[in-house]
C-alpha cells in the first residue's frame, strides 16, 4: 500500500459536533481523523462527473418514483373518500325517509315499516309443532281438542298463541290450520 503524505491542519469545530464525532468514532472503532477524512471525501466525491454522480442520479430517480407513488395513492385515496361520502349521503337520505315514514301514521298497519306486500301466511302445523308454538305438550293439545267444543278450542288456542291465531283441526289432513 502506498504511503499517503499527511499535512497537519488546525480547525475549530462546534463543541457538540466534536463530542458527537468522538462518540461515533469510539462506537465504530475508528479515529476522529479517519471520520474527518471520510467526510471530506464524501463531500468532494459528490461533485458532477465522479462515480457518485450515478448514485445521485439513482437517488433522484427513486425520489421521482416515490413522488409518483404518493400522488397515485393520494388520487386513489381521494376517490375512495368521494365514494364513501356518496354512500354516507345515501344512508343519510334513507334515514331521513325512514324518519318521515315513521312519523306519518299508517292506519292500515301496526308496523312502523309499511310494505305493499300482503303479510306472510302461516302454514298448517302438525300436532307436535303446534304444541311447541302454544308451549304445551302434545297430550294436553290432543285432550283439549277432543273435550272442548270447536268454538272453545278456537278461543283457547287463540289465548295461547303468540300471534293470537286460533287453530282449527282438520281431520282429512291431520293438521291444525290457522284461523284468524
N, C-alpha and C. Protein backbone atom coordinates (compact mmCIF):
# COMPACT_ATOMS: atom_id res chain seq x y z
N UNK A 1 0.84 -1.17 0.00
CA UNK A 1 0.00 0.00 0.00
C UNK A 1 0.89 1.24 0.00
N UNK A 2 0.52 2.19 -0.84
CA UNK A 2 1.32 3.41 -0.94
C UNK A 2 1.11 4.29 0.27
N UNK A 3 2.17 4.93 0.65
CA UNK A 3 2.10 5.79 1.81
C UNK A 3 1.50 7.13 1.41
N UNK A 4 0.55 7.62 2.22
CA UNK A 4 -0.09 8.90 1.95
C UNK A 4 0.58 9.97 2.78
N UNK A 5 0.94 11.04 2.11
CA UNK A 5 1.52 12.15 2.83
C UNK A 5 0.41 12.91 3.53
N UNK A 6 0.64 13.23 4.76
CA UNK A 6 -0.36 13.95 5.52
C UNK A 6 0.22 15.26 6.00
N UNK A 7 -0.63 16.26 6.00
CA UNK A 7 -0.25 17.58 6.49
C UNK A 7 -1.15 17.90 7.66
N UNK A 8 -0.59 18.47 8.69
CA UNK A 8 -1.36 18.79 9.88
C UNK A 8 -2.08 20.11 9.66
N UNK A 9 -3.37 20.12 9.97
CA UNK A 9 -4.20 21.32 9.85
C UNK A 9 -4.92 21.51 11.18
N UNK A 10 -5.04 22.72 11.60
CA UNK A 10 -5.81 23.01 12.81
C UNK A 10 -7.09 23.72 12.38
N UNK A 11 -8.22 23.24 12.86
CA UNK A 11 -9.50 23.94 12.63
C UNK A 11 -10.38 23.76 13.84
N UNK A 12 -11.36 24.63 13.94
CA UNK A 12 -12.22 24.62 15.12
C UNK A 12 -13.57 24.03 14.74
N UNK A 13 -14.12 23.20 15.62
CA UNK A 13 -15.43 22.59 15.43
C UNK A 13 -16.33 23.02 16.59
N UNK A 14 -17.65 23.08 16.32
CA UNK A 14 -18.56 23.34 17.44
C UNK A 14 -18.43 22.20 18.46
N UNK A 15 -18.52 22.55 19.72
CA UNK A 15 -18.27 21.59 20.80
C UNK A 15 -19.20 20.37 20.73
N UNK A 16 -20.49 20.62 20.48
CA UNK A 16 -21.44 19.50 20.43
C UNK A 16 -21.15 18.57 19.26
N UNK A 17 -20.74 19.12 18.12
CA UNK A 17 -20.41 18.30 16.96
C UNK A 17 -19.16 17.46 17.23
N UNK A 18 -18.18 18.08 17.89
CA UNK A 18 -16.96 17.37 18.23
C UNK A 18 -17.26 16.20 19.16
N UNK A 19 -18.13 16.40 20.15
CA UNK A 19 -18.50 15.32 21.08
C UNK A 19 -19.21 14.19 20.34
N UNK A 20 -20.13 14.55 19.43
CA UNK A 20 -20.84 13.52 18.65
C UNK A 20 -19.88 12.73 17.79
N UNK A 21 -18.92 13.45 17.15
CA UNK A 21 -17.95 12.77 16.28
C UNK A 21 -17.07 11.82 17.08
N UNK A 22 -16.63 12.26 18.25
CA UNK A 22 -15.80 11.38 19.09
C UNK A 22 -16.58 10.13 19.51
N UNK A 23 -17.85 10.32 19.91
CA UNK A 23 -18.68 9.18 20.33
C UNK A 23 -18.89 8.22 19.16
N UNK A 24 -19.15 8.76 17.97
CA UNK A 24 -19.34 7.92 16.79
C UNK A 24 -18.07 7.15 16.46
N UNK A 25 -16.91 7.83 16.53
CA UNK A 25 -15.63 7.17 16.25
C UNK A 25 -15.38 6.04 17.23
N UNK A 26 -15.69 6.25 18.49
CA UNK A 26 -15.49 5.22 19.50
C UNK A 26 -16.39 4.02 19.22
N UNK A 27 -17.67 4.28 18.93
CA UNK A 27 -18.63 3.19 18.65
C UNK A 27 -18.20 2.37 17.45
N UNK A 28 -17.63 3.03 16.44
CA UNK A 28 -17.27 2.34 15.19
C UNK A 28 -15.80 1.94 15.13
N UNK A 29 -15.13 2.07 16.28
CA UNK A 29 -13.72 1.67 16.41
C UNK A 29 -12.85 2.28 15.32
N UNK A 30 -12.94 3.58 15.19
CA UNK A 30 -12.11 4.32 14.23
C UNK A 30 -11.60 5.58 14.94
N UNK A 31 -10.90 6.40 14.19
CA UNK A 31 -10.36 7.63 14.80
C UNK A 31 -11.14 8.83 14.30
N UNK A 32 -10.99 9.92 15.03
CA UNK A 32 -11.64 11.17 14.63
C UNK A 32 -11.06 11.66 13.31
N UNK A 33 -9.78 11.48 13.12
CA UNK A 33 -9.12 11.88 11.87
C UNK A 33 -9.70 11.09 10.70
N UNK A 34 -9.92 9.78 10.88
CA UNK A 34 -10.48 8.95 9.80
C UNK A 34 -11.89 9.40 9.46
N UNK A 35 -12.64 9.81 10.46
CA UNK A 35 -14.00 10.30 10.19
C UNK A 35 -13.98 11.59 9.39
N UNK A 36 -13.07 12.49 9.76
CA UNK A 36 -12.96 13.78 9.05
C UNK A 36 -12.55 13.52 7.60
N UNK A 37 -11.60 12.62 7.38
CA UNK A 37 -11.14 12.31 6.02
C UNK A 37 -12.29 11.71 5.22
N UNK A 38 -13.02 10.77 5.82
CA UNK A 38 -14.15 10.14 5.13
C UNK A 38 -15.22 11.17 4.79
N UNK A 39 -15.49 12.08 5.72
CA UNK A 39 -16.47 13.12 5.47
C UNK A 39 -16.06 14.04 4.33
N UNK A 40 -14.81 14.42 4.32
CA UNK A 40 -14.30 15.29 3.24
C UNK A 40 -14.36 14.59 1.89
N UNK A 41 -13.98 13.31 1.88
CA UNK A 41 -14.04 12.55 0.62
C UNK A 41 -15.48 12.45 0.12
N UNK A 42 -16.41 12.23 1.05
CA UNK A 42 -17.83 12.12 0.67
C UNK A 42 -18.30 13.43 0.05
N UNK A 43 -17.94 14.55 0.65
CA UNK A 43 -18.36 15.85 0.12
C UNK A 43 -17.67 16.13 -1.21
N UNK A 44 -16.38 15.86 -1.29
CA UNK A 44 -15.63 16.15 -2.51
C UNK A 44 -15.96 15.19 -3.65
N UNK A 45 -16.27 13.95 -3.35
CA UNK A 45 -16.57 12.97 -4.39
C UNK A 45 -17.97 13.14 -4.98
N UNK A 46 -18.83 13.95 -4.39
CA UNK A 46 -20.19 14.09 -4.90
C UNK A 46 -20.29 15.17 -5.97
N UNK A 47 -19.17 15.69 -6.43
CA UNK A 47 -19.19 16.68 -7.50
C UNK A 47 -19.54 16.00 -8.80
N UNK A 48 -20.16 16.72 -9.76
CA UNK A 48 -20.53 16.09 -11.04
C UNK A 48 -19.32 15.51 -11.75
N UNK A 49 -19.56 14.38 -12.41
CA UNK A 49 -18.50 13.74 -13.17
C UNK A 49 -17.75 12.69 -12.40
N UNK A 50 -18.06 12.47 -11.14
CA UNK A 50 -17.40 11.42 -10.36
C UNK A 50 -18.32 10.21 -10.27
N UNK A 51 -17.84 9.14 -9.63
CA UNK A 51 -18.62 7.91 -9.52
C UNK A 51 -19.92 8.13 -8.75
N UNK A 52 -19.93 9.04 -7.79
CA UNK A 52 -21.13 9.29 -7.01
C UNK A 52 -22.21 9.97 -7.83
N UNK A 53 -21.87 10.48 -9.00
CA UNK A 53 -22.87 11.09 -9.87
C UNK A 53 -23.95 10.08 -10.23
N UNK A 54 -23.56 8.81 -10.43
CA UNK A 54 -24.52 7.75 -10.73
C UNK A 54 -25.43 7.52 -9.54
N UNK A 55 -24.84 7.50 -8.35
CA UNK A 55 -25.65 7.32 -7.14
C UNK A 55 -26.64 8.47 -6.97
N UNK A 56 -26.17 9.68 -7.23
CA UNK A 56 -27.08 10.84 -7.13
C UNK A 56 -28.23 10.70 -8.12
N UNK A 57 -27.92 10.27 -9.34
CA UNK A 57 -28.96 10.10 -10.36
C UNK A 57 -29.98 9.04 -9.91
N UNK A 58 -29.46 7.92 -9.38
CA UNK A 58 -30.35 6.85 -8.91
C UNK A 58 -31.22 7.34 -7.76
N UNK A 59 -30.63 8.11 -6.86
CA UNK A 59 -31.42 8.65 -5.74
C UNK A 59 -32.51 9.59 -6.25
N UNK A 60 -32.16 10.40 -7.25
CA UNK A 60 -33.16 11.31 -7.82
C UNK A 60 -34.29 10.52 -8.48
N UNK A 61 -33.94 9.43 -9.17
CA UNK A 61 -34.96 8.59 -9.80
C UNK A 61 -35.86 7.94 -8.75
N UNK A 62 -35.25 7.49 -7.66
CA UNK A 62 -36.04 6.91 -6.58
C UNK A 62 -36.99 7.94 -5.99
N UNK A 63 -36.52 9.17 -5.84
CA UNK A 63 -37.38 10.24 -5.34
C UNK A 63 -38.53 10.51 -6.30
N UNK A 64 -38.25 10.52 -7.60
CA UNK A 64 -39.30 10.74 -8.60
C UNK A 64 -40.32 9.61 -8.53
N UNK A 65 -39.83 8.38 -8.46
CA UNK A 65 -40.75 7.22 -8.37
C UNK A 65 -41.57 7.28 -7.09
N UNK A 66 -40.94 7.65 -5.99
CA UNK A 66 -41.66 7.76 -4.73
C UNK A 66 -42.73 8.85 -4.80
N UNK A 67 -42.38 9.97 -5.44
CA UNK A 67 -43.35 11.06 -5.62
C UNK A 67 -44.54 10.59 -6.44
N UNK A 68 -44.27 9.85 -7.53
CA UNK A 68 -45.36 9.32 -8.36
C UNK A 68 -46.25 8.37 -7.57
N UNK A 69 -45.62 7.51 -6.77
CA UNK A 69 -46.39 6.56 -5.96
C UNK A 69 -47.28 7.30 -4.96
N UNK A 70 -46.73 8.32 -4.32
CA UNK A 70 -47.51 9.10 -3.36
C UNK A 70 -48.67 9.79 -4.05
N UNK A 71 -48.43 10.34 -5.25
CA UNK A 71 -49.51 11.00 -5.98
C UNK A 71 -50.59 10.01 -6.38
N UNK A 72 -50.19 8.81 -6.81
CA UNK A 72 -51.16 7.78 -7.19
C UNK A 72 -51.99 7.37 -5.97
N UNK A 73 -51.32 7.13 -4.85
CA UNK A 73 -52.03 6.76 -3.62
C UNK A 73 -52.97 7.88 -3.17
N UNK A 74 -52.51 9.13 -3.32
CA UNK A 74 -53.33 10.27 -2.94
C UNK A 74 -54.57 10.35 -3.81
N UNK A 75 -54.42 10.09 -5.12
CA UNK A 75 -55.56 10.11 -6.03
C UNK A 75 -56.54 9.00 -5.69
N UNK A 76 -56.01 7.78 -5.44
CA UNK A 76 -56.88 6.66 -5.07
C UNK A 76 -57.58 6.93 -3.76
N UNK A 77 -56.87 7.52 -2.82
CA UNK A 77 -57.44 7.85 -1.52
C UNK A 77 -58.58 8.87 -1.69
N UNK A 78 -58.35 9.87 -2.53
CA UNK A 78 -59.38 10.89 -2.78
C UNK A 78 -60.63 10.26 -3.41
N UNK A 79 -60.43 9.35 -4.36
CA UNK A 79 -61.57 8.68 -5.00
C UNK A 79 -62.34 7.85 -3.97
N UNK A 80 -61.61 7.15 -3.11
CA UNK A 80 -62.25 6.32 -2.09
C UNK A 80 -63.06 7.19 -1.11
N UNK A 81 -62.50 8.33 -0.75
CA UNK A 81 -63.21 9.25 0.14
C UNK A 81 -64.48 9.75 -0.54
N UNK A 82 -64.40 10.08 -1.82
CA UNK A 82 -65.59 10.53 -2.55
C UNK A 82 -66.66 9.44 -2.57
N UNK A 83 -66.25 8.19 -2.80
CA UNK A 83 -67.21 7.08 -2.80
C UNK A 83 -67.86 6.92 -1.43
N UNK A 84 -67.06 7.01 -0.38
CA UNK A 84 -67.60 6.87 0.98
C UNK A 84 -68.54 8.02 1.30
N UNK A 85 -68.20 9.23 0.87
CA UNK A 85 -69.08 10.37 1.11
C UNK A 85 -70.41 10.19 0.40
N UNK A 86 -70.37 9.64 -0.82
CA UNK A 86 -71.62 9.38 -1.56
C UNK A 86 -72.47 8.35 -0.83
N UNK A 87 -71.85 7.31 -0.31
CA UNK A 87 -72.59 6.29 0.43
C UNK A 87 -73.18 6.86 1.72
N UNK A 88 -72.41 7.70 2.41
CA UNK A 88 -72.93 8.34 3.62
C UNK A 88 -74.14 9.20 3.28
N UNK A 89 -74.07 9.91 2.17
CA UNK A 89 -75.20 10.74 1.73
C UNK A 89 -76.43 9.88 1.45
N UNK A 90 -76.24 8.75 0.79
CA UNK A 90 -77.36 7.84 0.51
C UNK A 90 -77.97 7.33 1.81
N UNK A 91 -77.12 6.92 2.75
CA UNK A 91 -77.62 6.44 4.04
C UNK A 91 -78.36 7.54 4.80
N UNK A 92 -77.84 8.74 4.73
CA UNK A 92 -78.50 9.87 5.40
C UNK A 92 -79.88 10.09 4.82
N UNK A 93 -79.99 10.06 3.48
CA UNK A 93 -81.28 10.25 2.83
C UNK A 93 -82.25 9.12 3.21
N UNK A 94 -81.73 7.89 3.28
CA UNK A 94 -82.58 6.76 3.66
C UNK A 94 -83.08 6.91 5.10
N UNK A 95 -82.19 7.35 6.00
CA UNK A 95 -82.60 7.55 7.39
C UNK A 95 -83.64 8.66 7.51
N UNK A 96 -83.46 9.72 6.74
CA UNK A 96 -84.45 10.81 6.75
C UNK A 96 -85.79 10.29 6.27
N UNK A 97 -85.77 9.48 5.21
CA UNK A 97 -87.02 8.93 4.68
C UNK A 97 -87.69 8.00 5.70
N UNK A 98 -86.87 7.20 6.41
CA UNK A 98 -87.43 6.33 7.43
C UNK A 98 -88.07 7.14 8.56
N UNK A 99 -87.43 8.24 8.94
CA UNK A 99 -88.00 9.10 9.98
C UNK A 99 -89.33 9.68 9.52
N UNK A 100 -89.38 10.13 8.26
CA UNK A 100 -90.61 10.70 7.72
C UNK A 100 -91.70 9.64 7.71
N UNK A 101 -91.36 8.44 7.25
CA UNK A 101 -92.35 7.35 7.21
C UNK A 101 -92.81 6.95 8.61
N UNK A 102 -91.88 6.95 9.57
CA UNK A 102 -92.25 6.56 10.93
C UNK A 102 -93.13 7.61 11.60
N UNK A 103 -92.92 8.88 11.26
CA UNK A 103 -93.71 9.93 11.89
C UNK A 103 -95.09 10.08 11.26
N UNK A 104 -95.28 9.54 10.05
CA UNK A 104 -96.58 9.58 9.40
C UNK A 104 -97.38 8.37 9.84
N UNK A 105 -98.53 8.58 10.49
CA UNK A 105 -99.31 7.42 10.95
C UNK A 105 -99.88 6.64 9.77
N UNK A 106 -99.82 5.34 9.89
CA UNK A 106 -100.37 4.46 8.87
C UNK A 106 -101.49 3.67 9.53
N UNK A 107 -102.69 3.95 9.14
CA UNK A 107 -103.85 3.35 9.81
C UNK A 107 -104.09 1.90 9.41
N UNK A 108 -103.54 1.50 8.28
CA UNK A 108 -103.77 0.13 7.83
C UNK A 108 -102.84 -0.87 8.48
N UNK A 109 -101.70 -0.41 9.00
CA UNK A 109 -100.70 -1.34 9.51
C UNK A 109 -100.23 -0.91 10.89
N UNK A 110 -99.99 -1.90 11.77
CA UNK A 110 -99.45 -1.62 13.08
C UNK A 110 -97.92 -1.50 13.01
N UNK A 111 -97.33 -1.96 11.93
CA UNK A 111 -95.88 -1.98 11.78
C UNK A 111 -95.36 -0.58 11.44
N UNK A 112 -94.20 -0.18 11.99
CA UNK A 112 -93.63 1.11 11.63
C UNK A 112 -93.00 1.09 10.24
N UNK A 113 -92.94 -0.07 9.59
CA UNK A 113 -92.37 -0.20 8.26
C UNK A 113 -93.44 -0.70 7.31
N UNK A 114 -94.22 0.20 6.75
CA UNK A 114 -95.29 -0.24 5.86
C UNK A 114 -94.73 -0.84 4.57
N UNK A 115 -95.35 -1.92 4.14
CA UNK A 115 -94.94 -2.59 2.91
C UNK A 115 -96.17 -2.76 2.03
N UNK A 116 -95.92 -2.86 0.75
CA UNK A 116 -97.02 -3.07 -0.19
C UNK A 116 -97.36 -4.54 -0.32
N UNK A 117 -96.57 -5.40 0.30
CA UNK A 117 -96.81 -6.83 0.20
C UNK A 117 -97.80 -7.28 1.28
N UNK A 118 -98.60 -8.27 0.96
CA UNK A 118 -99.51 -8.78 1.98
C UNK A 118 -98.70 -9.51 3.07
N UNK A 119 -99.23 -9.59 4.28
CA UNK A 119 -98.49 -10.28 5.34
C UNK A 119 -98.31 -11.75 5.01
N UNK A 120 -97.26 -12.33 5.54
CA UNK A 120 -96.96 -13.74 5.27
C UNK A 120 -98.06 -14.63 5.85
N UNK A 121 -98.39 -15.66 5.11
CA UNK A 121 -99.41 -16.61 5.55
C UNK A 121 -98.75 -17.68 6.41
N UNK A 122 -99.39 -18.01 7.52
CA UNK A 122 -98.90 -19.09 8.37
C UNK A 122 -99.46 -20.39 7.83
N UNK A 123 -98.58 -21.35 7.66
CA UNK A 123 -98.98 -22.65 7.11
C UNK A 123 -99.55 -23.53 8.22
N UNK A 124 -100.28 -24.56 7.83
CA UNK A 124 -100.80 -25.50 8.82
C UNK A 124 -99.66 -26.21 9.57
N UNK A 125 -99.93 -26.59 10.81
CA UNK A 125 -98.94 -27.25 11.65
C UNK A 125 -99.35 -28.68 11.97
N UNK A 126 -98.33 -29.51 12.11
CA UNK A 126 -98.57 -30.84 12.67
C UNK A 126 -98.76 -30.66 14.18
N UNK A 127 -99.29 -31.69 14.80
CA UNK A 127 -99.63 -31.63 16.22
C UNK A 127 -98.41 -31.25 17.10
N UNK A 128 -97.28 -31.85 16.81
CA UNK A 128 -96.06 -31.60 17.59
C UNK A 128 -95.62 -30.14 17.49
N UNK A 129 -95.65 -29.57 16.28
CA UNK A 129 -95.21 -28.20 16.07
C UNK A 129 -96.17 -27.19 16.72
N UNK A 130 -97.46 -27.46 16.63
CA UNK A 130 -98.42 -26.56 17.26
C UNK A 130 -98.29 -26.61 18.78
N UNK A 131 -98.05 -27.78 19.33
CA UNK A 131 -97.86 -27.90 20.78
C UNK A 131 -96.67 -27.05 21.22
N UNK A 132 -95.58 -27.07 20.45
CA UNK A 132 -94.42 -26.24 20.77
C UNK A 132 -94.77 -24.76 20.69
N UNK A 133 -95.52 -24.39 19.67
CA UNK A 133 -95.91 -22.99 19.48
C UNK A 133 -96.79 -22.51 20.64
N UNK A 134 -97.67 -23.35 21.10
CA UNK A 134 -98.57 -22.97 22.20
C UNK A 134 -97.96 -23.22 23.58
N UNK A 135 -96.73 -23.74 23.59
CA UNK A 135 -95.97 -24.02 24.80
C UNK A 135 -96.73 -24.98 25.72
N UNK A 136 -97.14 -26.09 25.13
CA UNK A 136 -97.81 -27.16 25.88
C UNK A 136 -97.31 -28.49 25.35
N UNK A 137 -97.70 -29.58 25.99
CA UNK A 137 -97.31 -30.89 25.46
C UNK A 137 -98.40 -31.40 24.51
N UNK A 138 -98.05 -32.39 23.72
CA UNK A 138 -98.96 -32.94 22.71
C UNK A 138 -100.20 -33.54 23.37
N UNK A 139 -100.02 -34.18 24.50
CA UNK A 139 -101.13 -34.83 25.20
C UNK A 139 -102.19 -33.80 25.59
N UNK A 140 -101.78 -32.63 26.11
CA UNK A 140 -102.72 -31.58 26.51
C UNK A 140 -103.43 -31.02 25.28
N UNK A 141 -102.69 -30.81 24.20
CA UNK A 141 -103.29 -30.28 22.97
C UNK A 141 -104.38 -31.24 22.48
N UNK A 142 -104.04 -32.50 22.41
CA UNK A 142 -104.99 -33.51 21.93
C UNK A 142 -106.20 -33.59 22.86
N UNK A 143 -105.97 -33.60 24.17
CA UNK A 143 -107.06 -33.68 25.16
C UNK A 143 -108.03 -32.50 25.00
N UNK A 144 -107.50 -31.28 24.89
CA UNK A 144 -108.36 -30.10 24.76
C UNK A 144 -109.14 -30.11 23.45
N UNK A 145 -108.50 -30.57 22.39
CA UNK A 145 -109.18 -30.63 21.09
C UNK A 145 -110.36 -31.61 21.16
N UNK A 146 -110.16 -32.73 21.85
CA UNK A 146 -111.18 -33.77 21.90
C UNK A 146 -112.29 -33.46 22.91
N UNK A 147 -111.99 -32.73 23.98
CA UNK A 147 -113.00 -32.49 25.02
C UNK A 147 -113.73 -31.15 24.87
N UNK A 148 -113.13 -30.20 24.20
CA UNK A 148 -113.76 -28.89 24.06
C UNK A 148 -114.60 -28.84 22.79
N UNK A 149 -115.53 -27.89 22.77
CA UNK A 149 -116.28 -27.66 21.52
C UNK A 149 -115.33 -26.94 20.58
N UNK A 150 -115.71 -26.87 19.33
CA UNK A 150 -114.85 -26.23 18.33
C UNK A 150 -114.62 -24.76 18.68
N UNK A 151 -115.67 -24.03 19.07
CA UNK A 151 -115.51 -22.61 19.41
C UNK A 151 -114.66 -22.43 20.68
N UNK A 152 -114.79 -23.35 21.66
CA UNK A 152 -113.96 -23.28 22.86
C UNK A 152 -112.49 -23.52 22.51
N UNK A 153 -112.26 -24.50 21.64
CA UNK A 153 -110.88 -24.81 21.23
C UNK A 153 -110.26 -23.63 20.47
N UNK A 154 -111.07 -23.00 19.59
CA UNK A 154 -110.58 -21.83 18.85
C UNK A 154 -110.18 -20.72 19.82
N UNK A 155 -111.04 -20.46 20.80
CA UNK A 155 -110.78 -19.42 21.79
C UNK A 155 -109.57 -19.76 22.66
N UNK A 156 -109.50 -20.99 23.10
CA UNK A 156 -108.39 -21.43 23.95
C UNK A 156 -107.05 -21.33 23.21
N UNK A 157 -107.01 -21.80 21.95
CA UNK A 157 -105.75 -21.76 21.18
C UNK A 157 -105.35 -20.32 20.86
N UNK A 158 -106.34 -19.45 20.66
CA UNK A 158 -106.04 -18.04 20.39
C UNK A 158 -105.38 -17.38 21.60
N UNK A 159 -105.86 -17.72 22.78
CA UNK A 159 -105.28 -17.16 24.01
C UNK A 159 -103.85 -17.63 24.25
N UNK A 160 -103.51 -18.82 23.77
CA UNK A 160 -102.16 -19.36 23.98
C UNK A 160 -101.19 -18.99 22.87
N UNK A 161 -101.69 -18.63 21.69
CA UNK A 161 -100.83 -18.37 20.52
C UNK A 161 -100.15 -16.99 20.64
N UNK A 162 -98.84 -16.91 20.35
CA UNK A 162 -98.13 -15.63 20.46
C UNK A 162 -98.63 -14.57 19.48
N UNK A 163 -99.17 -14.97 18.34
CA UNK A 163 -99.70 -14.02 17.36
C UNK A 163 -101.21 -13.95 17.40
N UNK A 164 -101.81 -14.57 18.40
CA UNK A 164 -103.25 -14.57 18.61
C UNK A 164 -104.02 -15.20 17.45
N UNK A 165 -103.45 -16.26 16.90
CA UNK A 165 -104.17 -17.05 15.89
C UNK A 165 -104.99 -18.11 16.62
N UNK A 166 -106.17 -18.37 16.08
CA UNK A 166 -106.95 -19.53 16.53
C UNK A 166 -106.55 -20.69 15.65
N UNK A 167 -106.66 -21.89 16.18
CA UNK A 167 -106.26 -23.07 15.41
C UNK A 167 -107.42 -24.04 15.32
N UNK A 168 -107.63 -24.54 14.10
CA UNK A 168 -108.74 -25.45 13.82
C UNK A 168 -108.16 -26.75 13.27
N UNK A 169 -108.58 -27.87 13.84
CA UNK A 169 -108.07 -29.18 13.43
C UNK A 169 -108.85 -29.67 12.22
N UNK A 170 -108.10 -30.19 11.21
CA UNK A 170 -108.72 -30.75 10.01
C UNK A 170 -108.47 -32.25 10.02
N UNK A 171 -109.55 -33.03 10.07
CA UNK A 171 -109.44 -34.49 10.16
C UNK A 171 -108.88 -35.08 8.87
N UNK A 172 -109.15 -34.46 7.72
CA UNK A 172 -108.71 -35.01 6.43
C UNK A 172 -107.19 -35.06 6.29
N UNK A 173 -106.50 -33.99 6.71
CA UNK A 173 -105.04 -33.98 6.56
C UNK A 173 -104.29 -34.09 7.90
N UNK A 174 -105.03 -34.23 9.00
CA UNK A 174 -104.44 -34.35 10.34
C UNK A 174 -103.52 -33.18 10.67
N UNK A 175 -103.89 -31.96 10.24
CA UNK A 175 -103.11 -30.76 10.50
C UNK A 175 -103.98 -29.72 11.19
N UNK A 176 -103.33 -28.83 11.92
CA UNK A 176 -104.01 -27.70 12.55
C UNK A 176 -103.82 -26.47 11.65
N UNK A 177 -104.91 -25.88 11.25
CA UNK A 177 -104.88 -24.73 10.34
C UNK A 177 -105.13 -23.44 11.11
N UNK A 178 -104.38 -22.35 10.74
CA UNK A 178 -104.62 -21.07 11.42
C UNK A 178 -105.96 -20.50 11.04
N UNK A 179 -106.56 -19.84 11.99
CA UNK A 179 -107.90 -19.31 11.78
C UNK A 179 -107.93 -17.95 12.47
N UNK A 180 -107.92 -16.87 11.68
CA UNK A 180 -107.82 -15.53 12.27
C UNK A 180 -109.17 -14.86 12.30
